[in-house]
N, C-alpha and C. Protein backbone atom coordinates (compact mmCIF):
# COMPACT_ATOMS: atom_id res chain seq x y z
N UNK A 1 -5.86 2.25 49.64
CA UNK A 1 -6.53 1.48 48.30
C UNK A 1 -7.62 1.83 47.36
N UNK A 2 -8.25 2.80 47.61
CA UNK A 2 -8.88 3.16 46.26
C UNK A 2 -7.85 3.68 45.13
N UNK A 3 -6.69 4.08 45.79
CA UNK A 3 -5.94 4.48 44.35
C UNK A 3 -5.12 3.43 43.84
N UNK A 4 -5.32 2.23 44.54
CA UNK A 4 -4.25 1.58 43.87
C UNK A 4 -5.01 0.37 43.20
N UNK A 5 -6.87 0.87 43.04
CA UNK A 5 -7.42 -0.03 42.20
C UNK A 5 -8.06 1.16 40.72
N UNK A 6 -7.99 2.43 41.03
CA UNK A 6 -8.18 3.05 39.75
C UNK A 6 -6.73 2.89 39.27
N UNK A 7 -5.78 2.70 39.50
CA UNK A 7 -4.00 2.62 39.00
C UNK A 7 -4.36 1.43 38.12
N UNK A 8 -4.82 0.20 38.96
CA UNK A 8 -3.95 -1.09 37.76
C UNK A 8 -5.15 -0.86 36.71
N UNK A 9 -6.66 -0.89 36.73
CA UNK A 9 -6.99 -0.73 35.49
C UNK A 9 -6.38 -0.30 34.62
N UNK A 10 -6.35 1.30 35.01
CA UNK A 10 -5.44 1.91 34.23
C UNK A 10 -4.16 1.32 33.12
N UNK A 11 -3.34 0.45 33.49
CA UNK A 11 -2.41 -0.26 33.44
C UNK A 11 -2.36 -0.97 32.40
N UNK A 12 -3.49 -2.12 33.34
CA UNK A 12 -3.90 -3.34 32.21
C UNK A 12 -5.07 -2.82 30.99
N UNK A 13 -5.62 -1.44 30.58
CA UNK A 13 -6.24 -0.93 29.59
C UNK A 13 -4.68 -0.34 28.38
N UNK A 14 -3.78 0.14 29.21
CA UNK A 14 -2.77 0.45 28.63
C UNK A 14 -1.48 -0.50 27.78
N UNK A 15 -1.64 -1.46 28.69
CA UNK A 15 -1.31 -2.34 27.58
C UNK A 15 -2.01 -2.89 26.79
N UNK A 16 -3.18 -3.04 26.78
CA UNK A 16 -3.83 -3.67 25.70
C UNK A 16 -3.85 -2.57 24.41
N UNK A 17 -3.67 -1.58 24.36
CA UNK A 17 -3.46 -0.34 23.72
C UNK A 17 -3.49 -0.80 22.21
N UNK A 18 -3.58 -0.92 20.68
CA UNK A 18 -2.70 -0.91 20.02
C UNK A 18 -2.29 -0.15 19.42
N UNK A 19 -0.50 0.61 19.16
CA UNK A 19 -0.37 1.82 18.54
C UNK A 19 -0.31 1.10 16.84
N UNK A 20 -0.13 2.71 16.60
CA UNK A 20 0.47 2.79 15.22
C UNK A 20 1.36 2.54 15.12
N UNK A 21 2.20 1.87 13.59
CA UNK A 21 3.38 1.85 13.70
C UNK A 21 3.70 2.60 12.83
N UNK A 22 5.17 2.52 13.39
CA UNK A 22 5.69 3.79 12.21
C UNK A 22 5.88 2.98 10.73
N UNK A 23 6.12 1.74 10.59
CA UNK A 23 6.73 1.34 9.81
C UNK A 23 6.20 -0.50 9.45
N UNK A 24 5.83 -0.38 7.84
CA UNK A 24 5.56 -1.90 8.16
C UNK A 24 5.76 -2.54 6.43
N UNK A 25 5.82 -3.65 5.91
CA UNK A 25 6.41 -4.08 5.56
C UNK A 25 5.54 -5.01 4.62
N UNK A 26 5.30 -4.41 3.51
CA UNK A 26 4.43 -5.72 2.74
C UNK A 26 5.20 -6.74 1.51
N UNK A 27 4.98 -7.89 2.10
CA UNK A 27 5.39 -9.08 1.52
C UNK A 27 4.33 -8.31 -0.42
N UNK A 28 5.51 -8.89 -1.59
CA UNK A 28 4.48 -9.16 -2.86
C UNK A 28 4.77 -10.20 -3.72
N UNK A 29 3.82 -10.49 -3.81
CA UNK A 29 3.81 -12.02 -4.86
C UNK A 29 3.23 -11.64 -6.49
N UNK A 30 3.74 -12.91 -6.75
CA UNK A 30 3.30 -13.03 -8.64
C UNK A 30 2.20 -13.65 -8.23
N UNK A 31 1.57 -13.60 -9.49
CA UNK A 31 0.56 -14.63 -10.17
C UNK A 31 0.33 -16.15 -9.29
N UNK A 32 1.71 -16.72 -9.54
CA UNK A 32 2.05 -17.59 -9.25
C UNK A 32 2.57 -18.09 -7.82
N UNK A 33 2.41 -17.00 -7.06
CA UNK A 33 3.03 -17.01 -5.65
C UNK A 33 4.15 -17.11 -5.39
N UNK A 34 5.09 -16.64 -6.50
CA UNK A 34 6.46 -16.30 -5.59
C UNK A 34 6.68 -15.46 -5.11
N UNK A 35 7.25 -15.08 -4.28
CA UNK A 35 8.03 -13.92 -3.31
C UNK A 35 8.79 -12.96 -4.54
N UNK A 36 8.41 -11.67 -4.51
CA UNK A 36 8.81 -10.70 -5.06
C UNK A 36 9.68 -9.78 -4.60
N UNK A 37 9.51 -10.13 -3.16
CA UNK A 37 10.68 -9.33 -2.57
C UNK A 37 9.35 -8.45 -1.41
N UNK A 38 10.53 -7.09 -1.15
CA UNK A 38 9.46 -6.42 0.49
C UNK A 38 9.38 -5.02 -0.02
N UNK A 39 8.26 -4.26 0.27
CA UNK A 39 7.75 -2.85 0.01
C UNK A 39 7.82 -2.59 1.50
N UNK A 40 8.42 -1.66 2.30
CA UNK A 40 8.30 -1.00 3.49
C UNK A 40 8.02 0.26 3.20
N UNK A 41 6.67 0.09 4.16
CA UNK A 41 5.75 1.62 4.56
C UNK A 41 6.49 2.59 5.31
N UNK A 42 6.67 3.32 5.18
CA UNK A 42 7.13 4.54 6.54
C UNK A 42 6.48 5.79 6.55
N UNK A 43 5.95 5.78 7.73
CA UNK A 43 5.28 6.84 7.89
C UNK A 43 6.14 7.95 8.56
N UNK A 44 5.66 8.93 7.10
CA UNK A 44 6.83 10.66 7.54
C UNK A 44 5.61 11.62 7.76
N UNK A 45 6.12 12.50 8.28
CA UNK A 45 5.15 14.48 7.98
C UNK A 45 4.91 14.40 7.17
N UNK A 46 5.00 13.86 5.80
CA UNK A 46 4.42 14.13 4.57
C UNK A 46 3.51 13.32 3.73
N UNK A 47 3.07 11.71 4.60
CA UNK A 47 2.91 10.97 3.88
C UNK A 47 3.45 9.79 4.15
N UNK A 48 2.96 8.65 3.37
CA UNK A 48 4.13 7.63 3.78
C UNK A 48 4.54 6.85 2.01
N UNK A 49 5.99 7.03 2.88
CA UNK A 49 7.10 6.69 2.02
C UNK A 49 6.85 4.65 1.80
N UNK A 50 7.69 4.43 0.14
CA UNK A 50 7.40 3.20 0.02
C UNK A 50 8.96 3.11 -0.41
N UNK A 51 9.36 2.38 0.36
CA UNK A 51 10.93 2.21 -0.27
C UNK A 51 10.95 0.80 -0.85
N UNK A 52 10.92 0.30 -1.69
CA UNK A 52 10.38 -0.77 -2.91
C UNK A 52 11.66 -1.81 -3.15
N UNK A 53 11.87 -2.76 -2.74
CA UNK A 53 13.15 -3.60 -3.20
C UNK A 53 12.24 -4.77 -3.57
N UNK A 54 12.59 -5.08 -5.12
CA UNK A 54 11.73 -6.35 -6.05
C UNK A 54 12.41 -6.80 -6.39
N UNK A 55 12.60 -7.73 -6.81
CA UNK A 55 13.05 -8.94 -8.01
C UNK A 55 11.72 -9.77 -8.98
N UNK A 56 12.17 -10.23 -10.36
CA UNK A 56 11.53 -10.85 -11.08
C UNK A 56 10.23 -10.24 -11.40
N UNK A 57 10.16 -9.12 -11.27
CA UNK A 57 8.89 -8.47 -12.65
C UNK A 57 10.02 -8.46 -13.67
N UNK A 58 9.61 -8.09 -14.90
CA UNK A 58 9.50 -8.21 -16.33
C UNK A 58 9.51 -6.30 -16.36
N UNK A 59 10.77 -6.11 -17.62
CA UNK A 59 11.46 -4.95 -17.22
C UNK A 59 10.87 -4.59 -18.10
N UNK A 60 10.94 -3.05 -17.44
CA UNK A 60 10.16 -1.36 -18.32
C UNK A 60 9.30 -0.77 -17.35
N UNK A 61 8.52 -0.12 -17.86
CA UNK A 61 7.46 0.47 -16.62
C UNK A 61 6.31 -0.14 -16.53
N UNK A 62 5.66 0.13 -15.12
CA UNK A 62 5.35 -0.43 -14.52
C UNK A 62 4.55 0.41 -13.40
N UNK A 63 2.56 0.14 -13.82
CA UNK A 63 1.51 1.25 -12.69
C UNK A 63 1.79 0.62 -11.13
N UNK A 64 1.98 1.40 -10.20
CA UNK A 64 1.61 0.51 -9.11
C UNK A 64 0.78 1.51 -8.14
N UNK A 65 -0.27 0.96 -7.61
CA UNK A 65 -1.29 2.02 -6.42
C UNK A 65 -1.61 0.97 -5.30
N UNK A 66 -1.99 1.76 -4.39
CA UNK A 66 -2.66 1.16 -3.40
C UNK A 66 -4.16 1.06 -3.73
N UNK A 67 -4.62 -0.17 -3.24
CA UNK A 67 -5.91 -0.82 -3.37
C UNK A 67 -6.47 -0.80 -2.17
N UNK A 68 -8.20 -0.63 -2.50
CA UNK A 68 -9.20 -0.36 -1.05
C UNK A 68 -9.64 -1.46 -0.64
N UNK A 69 -8.85 -2.68 -1.10
CA UNK A 69 -9.44 -4.16 -0.17
C UNK A 69 -8.07 -4.86 -0.01
N UNK A 70 -7.59 -5.65 1.51
CA UNK A 70 -6.51 -6.72 1.91
C UNK A 70 -6.77 -8.11 1.72
N UNK A 71 -6.97 -8.21 0.15
CA UNK A 71 -6.81 -9.22 -0.03
C UNK A 71 -6.33 -9.56 -1.63
N UNK A 72 -4.96 -10.44 -1.37
CA UNK A 72 -4.56 -10.52 -3.04
C UNK A 72 -4.67 -12.14 -3.02
N UNK A 73 -5.98 -12.41 -3.57
CA UNK A 73 -6.31 -13.79 -4.14
C UNK A 73 -6.07 -13.48 -5.97
N UNK A 74 -4.05 -14.26 -6.39
CA UNK A 74 -4.40 -14.89 -7.54
C UNK A 74 -4.84 -15.19 -8.28
N UNK A 75 -4.98 -15.82 -9.78
CA UNK A 75 -3.64 -14.69 -10.16
C UNK A 75 -4.09 -13.24 -10.60
N UNK A 76 -5.14 -13.17 -10.50
CA UNK A 76 -5.75 -11.91 -11.31
C UNK A 76 -5.62 -10.14 -10.48
N UNK A 77 -5.51 -10.92 -8.83
CA UNK A 77 -5.66 -10.06 -8.03
C UNK A 77 -6.78 -8.82 -7.96
N UNK A 78 -7.66 -9.20 -8.31
CA UNK A 78 -9.15 -8.26 -8.27
C UNK A 78 -9.69 -8.39 -7.18
N UNK A 79 -9.29 -9.05 -6.33
CA UNK A 79 -9.81 -8.89 -4.90
C UNK A 79 -9.17 -7.95 -4.55
N UNK A 80 -8.05 -7.11 -4.93
CA UNK A 80 -7.30 -6.18 -4.55
C UNK A 80 -8.45 -5.01 -4.14
N UNK A 81 -9.73 -5.06 -5.15
CA UNK A 81 -10.91 -3.86 -4.97
C UNK A 81 -10.20 -3.25 -5.88
N UNK A 82 -10.77 -1.78 -5.86
CA UNK A 82 -9.83 -0.60 -6.59
C UNK A 82 -9.18 0.28 -5.88
N UNK A 83 -8.57 1.79 -6.70
CA UNK A 83 -7.55 1.87 -6.29
C UNK A 83 -8.44 2.59 -4.42
N UNK A 84 -7.50 2.85 -3.93
CA UNK A 84 -7.79 3.76 -2.67
C UNK A 84 -7.86 5.20 -2.89
N UNK A 85 -9.50 5.26 -2.71
CA UNK A 85 -9.75 7.06 -2.79
C UNK A 85 -10.19 7.41 -2.01
N UNK A 86 -10.25 8.39 -0.81
CA UNK A 86 -10.65 8.46 0.08
C UNK A 86 -12.31 9.45 -0.23
N UNK A 87 -11.41 10.48 -1.06
CA UNK A 87 -12.40 11.63 -1.44
C UNK A 87 -12.80 11.86 -2.66
N UNK A 88 -13.10 11.00 -3.10
CA UNK A 88 -14.03 10.86 -4.40
C UNK A 88 -13.39 11.24 -5.47
N UNK A 89 -12.01 10.64 -6.03
CA UNK A 89 -11.23 11.83 -7.28
C UNK A 89 -11.75 10.83 -8.01
N UNK A 90 -11.01 11.17 -8.73
CA UNK A 90 -10.58 10.94 -10.60
C UNK A 90 -9.53 10.45 -10.22
N UNK A 91 -9.02 9.29 -11.31
CA UNK A 91 -7.59 8.49 -10.95
C UNK A 91 -6.73 9.50 -11.65
N UNK A 92 -5.39 9.33 -12.04
CA UNK A 92 -4.30 9.98 -12.23
C UNK A 92 -3.32 11.00 -11.40
N UNK A 93 -2.60 11.18 -11.59
CA UNK A 93 -1.29 12.14 -11.05
C UNK A 93 -1.44 13.48 -11.50
N UNK A 94 -1.65 13.25 -13.04
CA UNK A 94 -2.52 14.11 -13.65
C UNK A 94 -3.59 14.69 -14.36
N UNK A 95 -4.47 14.10 -13.61
CA UNK A 95 -5.86 14.45 -13.84
C UNK A 95 -6.34 15.61 -12.81
N UNK A 96 -6.75 16.63 -13.58
CA UNK A 96 -7.07 18.20 -12.56
C UNK A 96 -8.34 17.49 -11.80
N UNK A 97 -8.98 16.18 -11.82
CA UNK A 97 -9.50 16.30 -11.02
C UNK A 97 -9.78 14.88 -9.94
N UNK A 98 -7.79 14.88 -10.18
CA UNK A 98 -7.17 13.44 -9.47
C UNK A 98 -6.68 14.25 -8.59
N UNK A 99 -5.95 13.22 -7.60
CA UNK A 99 -5.66 12.03 -7.90
C UNK A 99 -6.00 11.40 -6.40
N UNK A 100 -6.03 9.68 -7.03
CA UNK A 100 -6.78 8.71 -5.66
C UNK A 100 -5.58 9.02 -5.18
N UNK A 101 -6.20 8.36 -3.75
CA UNK A 101 -5.14 9.07 -2.68
C UNK A 101 -4.06 7.81 -2.76
N UNK A 102 -4.48 6.39 -3.32
CA UNK A 102 -3.81 5.04 -4.34
C UNK A 102 -2.50 5.84 -4.76
N UNK A 103 -2.87 6.72 -5.64
CA UNK A 103 -2.39 6.93 -7.08
C UNK A 103 -0.62 7.10 -7.44
N UNK A 104 -0.07 6.13 -7.48
CA UNK A 104 1.47 6.50 -6.93
C UNK A 104 2.07 6.76 -8.52
N UNK A 105 4.08 7.18 -8.36
CA UNK A 105 4.12 7.40 -9.78
C UNK A 105 4.34 6.19 -9.93
N UNK A 106 4.75 5.70 -11.46
CA UNK A 106 5.06 4.63 -12.01
C UNK A 106 6.63 3.69 -11.75
N UNK A 107 6.76 2.38 -11.84
CA UNK A 107 7.72 1.89 -11.30
C UNK A 107 8.93 1.96 -12.67
N UNK A 108 10.26 1.66 -12.47
CA UNK A 108 11.06 1.37 -14.27
C UNK A 108 11.74 0.31 -13.53
N UNK A 109 11.46 -1.14 -14.27
CA UNK A 109 12.21 -2.49 -13.55
C UNK A 109 13.14 -2.21 -14.68
N UNK A 110 14.30 -2.47 -14.04
CA UNK A 110 15.30 -2.63 -14.93
C UNK A 110 15.59 -4.07 -15.95
N UNK A 111 17.00 -4.18 -16.31
CA UNK A 111 16.73 -4.70 -17.77
C UNK A 111 16.59 -6.57 -16.84
N UNK A 112 17.26 -6.92 -15.33
CA UNK A 112 17.47 -8.27 -14.86
C UNK A 112 16.46 -8.37 -13.60
N UNK A 113 15.01 -7.11 -14.01
CA UNK A 113 13.78 -7.25 -13.19
C UNK A 113 13.61 -7.16 -12.30
N UNK A 114 14.79 -6.24 -11.64
CA UNK A 114 15.21 -5.68 -10.64
C UNK A 114 14.63 -3.98 -10.07
N UNK A 115 14.35 -3.97 -9.22
CA UNK A 115 13.61 -2.08 -8.97
C UNK A 115 14.01 -2.26 -7.54
N UNK A 116 14.41 -0.94 -7.45
CA UNK A 116 14.64 -0.32 -6.12
C UNK A 116 14.57 1.07 -6.11
N UNK A 117 13.21 1.77 -5.42
CA UNK A 117 12.77 2.93 -5.67
C UNK A 117 12.69 3.83 -4.16
N UNK A 118 12.49 4.85 -4.05
CA UNK A 118 11.73 5.12 -3.12
C UNK A 118 10.58 6.54 -3.64
N UNK A 119 9.02 5.52 -3.55
CA UNK A 119 8.03 6.73 -4.06
C UNK A 119 7.26 7.24 -2.49
N UNK A 120 6.31 8.45 -2.96
CA UNK A 120 5.95 8.81 -1.55
C UNK A 120 4.42 8.98 -2.22
N UNK A 121 3.18 8.39 -1.11
CA UNK A 121 2.42 8.62 -1.46
C UNK A 121 1.66 9.90 0.55
N UNK A 122 1.22 10.69 -0.65
CA UNK A 122 1.19 11.60 0.31
C UNK A 122 -0.38 11.77 0.88
N UNK A 123 -1.20 11.10 0.60
CA UNK A 123 -2.41 11.74 0.85
C UNK A 123 -2.99 10.04 1.81
N UNK A 124 -1.55 9.69 2.31
CA UNK A 124 -2.65 8.30 3.20
C UNK A 124 -1.64 8.16 4.06
N UNK A 125 -1.65 7.59 5.06
CA UNK A 125 -1.24 7.80 6.99
C UNK A 125 -1.02 6.17 7.19
N UNK A 126 -0.20 6.06 8.11
CA UNK A 126 -0.25 4.53 8.84
C UNK A 126 -0.72 4.96 10.28
N UNK A 127 -1.45 6.27 10.52
CA UNK A 127 -2.27 6.44 11.62
C UNK A 127 -3.46 6.45 11.67
N UNK A 128 -3.87 6.35 12.58
CA UNK A 128 -5.71 6.35 12.28
C UNK A 128 -6.39 7.42 12.13
N UNK A 129 -7.35 7.23 11.14
CA UNK A 129 -7.70 8.41 10.68
C UNK A 129 -8.76 7.57 9.86
N UNK A 130 -9.17 9.31 8.46
CA UNK A 130 -10.05 8.61 7.09
C UNK A 130 -8.79 8.97 6.77
N UNK A 131 -7.19 9.00 6.45
CA UNK A 131 -6.45 8.18 5.85
C UNK A 131 -5.90 8.11 5.83
N UNK A 132 -6.15 6.85 6.85
CA UNK A 132 -5.18 5.39 7.38
C UNK A 132 -5.54 4.22 6.13
N UNK A 133 -4.29 3.45 6.14
CA UNK A 133 -4.34 2.16 5.39
C UNK A 133 -5.10 1.34 6.26
N UNK A 134 -5.30 1.56 7.35
CA UNK A 134 -5.40 0.40 8.24
C UNK A 134 -7.32 0.49 8.32
N UNK A 135 -7.74 0.15 7.24
CA UNK A 135 -9.39 0.23 7.05
C UNK A 135 -10.24 -1.39 7.50
N UNK A 136 -11.38 -1.16 8.01
CA UNK A 136 -11.93 -2.23 7.89
C UNK A 136 -11.69 -3.13 6.99
N UNK A 137 -11.28 -3.07 5.30
CA UNK A 137 -11.43 -4.07 4.30
C UNK A 137 -10.32 -4.39 4.30
N UNK A 138 -9.13 -3.38 5.02
CA UNK A 138 -7.99 -3.65 4.78
C UNK A 138 -7.69 -3.09 3.21
N UNK A 139 -6.27 -2.99 3.27
CA UNK A 139 -5.52 -2.55 2.04
C UNK A 139 -4.59 -3.58 1.21
N UNK A 140 -3.90 -2.72 0.02
CA UNK A 140 -3.06 -3.69 -0.10
C UNK A 140 -2.39 -3.02 -1.36
N UNK A 141 -0.92 -2.92 -2.32
CA UNK A 141 -0.04 -2.25 -2.92
C UNK A 141 -0.45 -3.56 -4.18
N UNK A 142 -0.43 -3.03 -5.36
CA UNK A 142 -0.90 -3.39 -6.67
C UNK A 142 0.51 -3.02 -7.65
N UNK A 143 0.38 -4.21 -8.73
CA UNK A 143 1.37 -3.33 -9.47
C UNK A 143 1.06 -4.21 -10.65
N UNK A 144 0.75 -3.37 -11.55
CA UNK A 144 0.63 -3.27 -13.32
C UNK A 144 1.55 -4.14 -14.17
N UNK A 145 0.54 -4.84 -15.46
CA UNK A 145 1.76 -5.13 -16.22
C UNK A 145 2.49 -3.50 -17.24
N UNK A 146 1.64 -2.95 -17.72
CA UNK A 146 2.21 -1.69 -18.02
C UNK A 146 1.88 -0.46 -17.36
N UNK A 147 2.81 0.97 -18.12
CA UNK A 147 2.68 1.85 -17.18
C UNK A 147 0.97 3.06 -16.86
N UNK A 148 1.22 3.64 -16.21
CA UNK A 148 -0.40 4.29 -16.01
C UNK A 148 0.01 5.55 -17.00
N UNK A 149 -0.93 5.66 -17.52
CA UNK A 149 -0.91 7.06 -18.35
C UNK A 149 -1.18 8.93 -17.73
N UNK A 150 -1.72 8.00 -16.41
CA UNK A 150 -1.61 9.64 -15.18
C UNK A 150 -3.62 10.02 -15.84
N UNK A 151 -3.85 9.32 -16.12
CA UNK A 151 -5.35 9.92 -16.89
C UNK A 151 -6.51 9.22 -16.77
N UNK A 152 -6.11 8.22 -17.67
CA UNK A 152 -7.13 7.41 -17.72
C UNK A 152 -8.00 6.27 -17.34
N UNK A 153 -9.54 6.22 -17.03
CA UNK A 153 -10.45 5.85 -15.84
C UNK A 153 -10.38 5.28 -16.08
N UNK A 154 -10.60 3.93 -15.18
CA UNK A 154 -10.10 3.66 -13.34
C UNK A 154 -8.79 4.04 -13.24
N UNK A 155 -8.19 3.13 -14.35
CA UNK A 155 -6.91 2.80 -13.18
C UNK A 155 -5.18 3.20 -14.62
N UNK A 156 -5.76 3.81 -15.41
CA UNK A 156 -4.79 4.43 -16.16
C UNK A 156 -3.92 3.95 -16.88
N UNK A 157 -5.01 2.91 -18.00
CA UNK A 157 -5.06 1.89 -18.94
C UNK A 157 -3.31 0.96 -18.97
N UNK A 158 -3.23 0.99 -17.31
CA UNK A 158 -2.34 0.02 -17.32
C UNK A 158 -2.32 -1.64 -17.44
N UNK A 159 -2.96 -2.41 -17.75
CA UNK A 159 -3.28 -3.59 -17.78
C UNK A 159 -3.61 -3.64 -16.45
N UNK A 160 -3.05 -5.82 -17.16
CA UNK A 160 -3.48 -6.81 -15.98
C UNK A 160 -2.65 -6.54 -15.02
N UNK A 161 -3.26 -6.60 -13.72
CA UNK A 161 -2.53 -7.03 -12.09
C UNK A 161 -1.65 -7.98 -12.56
N UNK A 162 -0.70 -8.10 -11.79
CA UNK A 162 0.37 -9.13 -12.36
C UNK A 162 1.43 -9.19 -11.47
N UNK A 163 1.16 -8.68 -9.63
CA UNK A 163 1.90 -8.76 -8.45
C UNK A 163 1.16 -8.12 -7.40
N UNK A 164 1.11 -8.21 -6.02
CA UNK A 164 -0.07 -7.70 -5.19
C UNK A 164 0.56 -8.00 -3.58
N UNK A 165 0.71 -7.32 -2.94
CA UNK A 165 0.92 -7.41 -1.41
C UNK A 165 -0.01 -6.74 -0.43
N UNK A 166 -0.75 -7.99 0.64
CA UNK A 166 -1.41 -7.00 1.78
C UNK A 166 -0.67 -6.34 2.96
N UNK A 167 -1.55 -4.65 2.67
CA UNK A 167 -0.90 -4.31 4.08
C UNK A 167 -1.77 -4.60 5.36
N UNK A 168 -0.60 -4.59 6.35
CA UNK A 168 -1.31 -5.58 7.74
C UNK A 168 -0.99 -4.94 8.40
N UNK A 169 -1.13 -4.49 9.66
CA UNK A 169 -0.24 -2.98 10.85
C UNK A 169 0.50 -4.36 11.54
N UNK A 170 0.20 -5.13 11.55
CA UNK A 170 1.76 -5.70 11.91
C UNK A 170 2.79 -5.69 11.01
N UNK A 171 4.56 -5.74 11.44
CA UNK A 171 4.73 -5.70 10.84
C UNK A 171 5.68 -7.17 10.74
N UNK A 172 5.37 -6.75 9.09
CA UNK A 172 5.78 -8.60 8.29
C UNK A 172 7.73 -8.74 8.40
N UNK A 173 8.08 -9.85 9.15
CA UNK A 173 9.21 -10.04 9.00
C UNK A 173 9.70 -10.20 6.95
N UNK A 174 10.87 -10.02 6.61
CA UNK A 174 11.57 -10.73 5.46
C UNK A 174 11.64 -11.96 4.90
């Protein structure tokens, strides 16, 4: 009898445990609330891969960053906070004291407003721990109107925020 009582609480506890996802979809929206598409985040041994499939952006080069707050309040998306920076580094992939964990290479948007790209974020994770994108405040992905110069503090002189998507543990449907 004792063995059953020990086994039953274990099974109930195991059923309540929330596992870390290996993939999540981030729905991206512009400043007027139009859907731009989805960025799939996938856990890799070398960080998190971003599979980007978006439409409706202005053609050209745009900065993209992971931010330290999981709120995307339009139209300016300042609610997304600062770049995700877990180690107190400087901004920029080219900065000798950088980079923020949320710093990413620029996106190149085609003339038709679409972009399909794969980027790596080597200093973040979908697993629990210091590098996790699932923080108490949440995290988000923000696209800026201009390109990131890779050095200028605090955000690469990339202009205003034009799109945002909240990163959540729950896998979102497209």
